[in-house]
């Protein structure tokens, strides 16, 4: 180490924010807001189409809830089935790359259940995959940025006004994707949105436990029965949930909480603390009820509060629970799903309505296209559906499929309207996510 005084910089200067500090401007082809499963898929697919892409997120890191809420389980990527009726993958695109690359790292754990196939994943490995993929694709990430205003010209979104701790930024684009989960872009544009009419849809405070004895992991059904019988004894409002143990990673992923997720800054900040307090009670339950596995367990990480449904767009069509149950295949279908209706509308539990092994339901283009805008698509949990229908299609598999569909629709629309594109041409681009069964 050198002590040469010539190499030391000691000078400072005084600066002060001016009345006109200047606003940085950026122009791209496609602007995606939200970097979760849907937004990451949209951004990477847009870059693959040769478009200049900006990917915006309010958090300081990429990955959305998939990473920052430690969801920890990929669901909705496979058809229904079991050991007799073999499930097959129904969402492709970037999902193929993720499964291949994380699988090669030993960061996935496949679980085929009676009606669904789940894939546990390492959230750290997923975050690095997203970061590296975004960087390699030449996408412009804009992190820690909040949409404070949206400039509309007629039926077209022209510009987003963002605020960050480093200054203001304006982003212009030909097409926009709202993958915020809360329809934040549509809301700030003054477009009509939906909210649940009868009470909140509850979210979850996830956590990861380490230092557990995986050889004594309890069966999920036993945990469900015991928490149903004893949750009030431990001060837990939710009478169901699970602790998924991953022997290969030596951890357990715990989901035993229900928290409100209000669209209010003070209340939502309080939930950050309330959710962790609930999670601690869940840990106390596991330690007391299953000491052979969890007696020495400690919390490795608490996720950000996991949000299921809060606010969503008004599209050209509202997907309904009956359409989900009936497996309606729309003429403008752009994604498919076999995940059950999973409605977290009660603090003490949730509705679980699984389907048969041969069931498939679909998302129409009209449900991801904002009715009152020509160049604004939604992807993920803020598309248009009734509360029960959304509870099925908001999971990560169809979210990635919707992200791919959204940018392909914008690409085909160009300077025109997403409501007037060639549906056959769009579905040809999306055929792997609509008809592939291998």
Foldseek 3Di string as FASTA:
>chain_A
DDPPPVPDDDDDDDDDCDPPNDAAEAEWAEEEEAQALQRLLLQLLLLVVVTAYEYEYQAQAHHHCVQQLPPQKAWFQWFWDAPVRDIFGQFDRCVVVCCVVQVVVVFWDWDGDNTTIMIGGDSVVVRVVSVVSCVVSNHHYHYSKDFQAWDDDQQATAWTWIQHPVGIYIYGHLFYEYARQACRVCVRHVADKDFADPAAFWWWKKFKKAPWDVVQDDDFVVQLVVLLVCVVVLPALASGWGWDADPVVRMTITTGHTDGCAPDVVVNVVRQVVRVVNVVSVLVVCCVPRVNTRVPMDTPDIGRIGDQHGMAADFQDAAEPVQQQVQDDDPQFQAKGQAFQWTRRDRHYTDGGHDDSPGMHTDGQRQQHHHRHFRYGYAALRTHYHRRVSSGCRGSRNRSSSSSLNNLLNVQQRNHGSVDGDSVVSCVVRVSNPPDGD
